[in-house]
Amino acid sequence: MYFGKKNAEEPVVEMVDTVVYSCESEACNGWMRKDFASAENTCPMCGSNLVEEVRELPKISNEYNAYR
């Protein structure tokens, strides 16, 4: 039988401090990155207000936002 080798090295994920908008409702856990948020300041899941906060998240790029 053949068993494939697994990669010994895990991919390195760079964590960065990221500004996010978080729902202020206790019943809702919705949030979104500032780069991907629309101009509206309401939660798309429950309709409550969104507040700005900083979280440590994996780095991703938003190429659409780079051309604004």
C-alpha atoms as a PDB file:
ATOM      1  CA  MET A   1       0.000   0.000   0.000  1.00  0.00           C
ATOM      2  CA  TYR A   2       1.081   3.550  -0.678  1.00  0.00           C
ATOM      3  CA  PHE A   3       0.620   6.330   1.814  1.00  0.00           C
ATOM      4  CA  GLY A   4       1.455   9.810   0.584  1.00  0.00           C
ATOM      5  CA  LYS A   5       3.737  11.942   2.673  1.00  0.00           C
ATOM      6  CA  LYS A   6       2.201  15.002   4.204  1.00  0.00           C
ATOM      7  CA  ASN A   7       4.065  18.274   4.035  1.00  0.00           C
ATOM      8  CA  ALA A   8       6.097  18.696   7.182  1.00  0.00           C
ATOM      9  CA  GLU A   9       5.848  22.475   7.033  1.00  0.00           C
ATOM     10  CA  GLU A  10       2.604  24.293   7.649  1.00  0.00           C
ATOM     11  CA  PRO A  11       2.042  27.438   5.583  1.00  0.00           C
ATOM     12  CA  VAL A  12       2.936  30.580   7.502  1.00  0.00           C
ATOM     13  CA  VAL A  13      -0.047  32.847   8.092  1.00  0.00           C
ATOM     14  CA  GLU A  14       0.859  36.456   8.783  1.00  0.00           C
ATOM     15  CA  MET A  15      -1.372  37.959  11.492  1.00  0.00           C
ATOM     16  CA  VAL A  16      -1.878  41.735  11.450  1.00  0.00           C
ATOM     17  CA  ASP A  17      -3.945  44.216  13.442  1.00  0.00           C
ATOM     18  CA  THR A  18      -6.994  44.936  11.284  1.00  0.00           C
ATOM     19  CA  VAL A  19      -9.725  47.544  11.668  1.00  0.00           C
ATOM     20  CA  VAL A  20     -13.159  45.907  11.642  1.00  0.00           C
ATOM     21  CA  TYR A  21     -16.750  47.000  12.125  1.00  0.00           C
ATOM     22  CA  SER A  22     -18.464  44.916  14.794  1.00  0.00           C
ATOM     23  CA  CYS A  23     -22.173  44.736  15.615  1.00  0.00           C
ATOM     24  CA  GLU A  24     -22.951  46.312  18.977  1.00  0.00           C
ATOM     25  CA  SER A  25     -25.950  44.042  19.622  1.00  0.00           C
ATOM     26  CA  GLU A  26     -25.326  41.368  22.281  1.00  0.00           C
ATOM     27  CA  ALA A  27     -27.454  38.842  20.371  1.00  0.00           C
ATOM     28  CA  CYS A  28     -25.518  39.247  17.091  1.00  0.00           C
ATOM     29  CA  ASN A  29     -21.880  38.314  16.463  1.00  0.00           C
ATOM     30  CA  GLY A  30     -21.614  39.929  13.013  1.00  0.00           C
ATOM     31  CA  TRP A  31     -18.486  41.791  11.938  1.00  0.00           C
ATOM     32  CA  MET A  32     -16.669  42.756   8.738  1.00  0.00           C
ATOM     33  CA  ARG A  33     -13.301  44.132   7.767  1.00  0.00           C
ATOM     34  CA  LYS A  34     -13.250  47.868   7.114  1.00  0.00           C
ATOM     35  CA  ASP A  35     -11.789  47.246   3.636  1.00  0.00           C
ATOM     36  CA  PHE A  36     -14.856  45.206   2.645  1.00  0.00           C
ATOM     37  CA  ALA A  37     -17.545  47.293   4.372  1.00  0.00           C
ATOM     38  CA  SER A  38     -20.066  49.404   2.523  1.00  0.00           C
ATOM     39  CA  ALA A  39     -20.855  53.021   3.337  1.00  0.00           C
ATOM     40  CA  GLU A  40     -23.809  51.981   5.507  1.00  0.00           C
ATOM     41  CA  ASN A  41     -23.227  51.902   9.251  1.00  0.00           C
ATOM     42  CA  THR A  42     -25.744  49.140  10.041  1.00  0.00           C
ATOM     43  CA  CYS A  43     -25.252  45.419  10.557  1.00  0.00           C
ATOM     44  CA  PRO A  44     -26.420  43.474   7.469  1.00  0.00           C
ATOM     45  CA  MET A  45     -27.547  40.564   9.671  1.00  0.00           C
ATOM     46  CA  CYS A  46     -29.630  42.291  12.358  1.00  0.00           C
ATOM     47  CA  GLY A  47     -29.805  46.003  11.472  1.00  0.00           C
ATOM     48  CA  SER A  48     -28.053  47.282  14.631  1.00  0.00           C
ATOM     49  CA  ASN A  49     -25.288  49.887  14.616  1.00  0.00           C
ATOM     50  CA  LEU A  50     -21.704  48.920  13.856  1.00  0.00           C
ATOM     51  CA  VAL A  51     -18.771  50.084  15.976  1.00  0.00           C
ATOM     52  CA  GLU A  52     -15.136  50.248  14.884  1.00  0.00           C
ATOM     53  CA  GLU A  53     -12.590  48.044  16.668  1.00  0.00           C
ATOM     54  CA  VAL A  54      -9.209  46.401  16.027  1.00  0.00           C
ATOM     55  CA  ARG A  55      -8.717  42.624  15.818  1.00  0.00           C
ATOM     56  CA  GLU A  56      -5.704  40.474  15.027  1.00  0.00           C
ATOM     57  CA  LEU A  57      -6.631  38.647  11.812  1.00  0.00           C
ATOM     58  CA  PRO A  58      -4.811  36.845   8.986  1.00  0.00           C
ATOM     59  CA  LYS A  59      -3.507  39.210   6.332  1.00  0.00           C
ATOM     60  CA  ILE A  60      -5.471  39.241   3.090  1.00  0.00           C
ATOM     61  CA  SER A  61      -5.452  41.637   0.186  1.00  0.00           C
ATOM     62  CA  ASN A  62      -8.427  43.393  -1.329  1.00  0.00           C
ATOM     63  CA  GLU A  63      -7.278  44.164  -4.842  1.00  0.00           C
ATOM     64  CA  TYR A  64     -10.563  45.864  -5.710  1.00  0.00           C
ATOM     65  CA  ASN A  65     -10.019  48.394  -2.915  1.00  0.00           C
ATOM     66  CA  ALA A  66      -6.458  49.111  -4.101  1.00  0.00           C
ATOM     67  CA  TYR A  67      -7.761  50.896  -7.216  1.00  0.00           C
ATOM     68  CA  ARG A  68     -10.102  53.341  -5.461  1.00  0.00           C
END
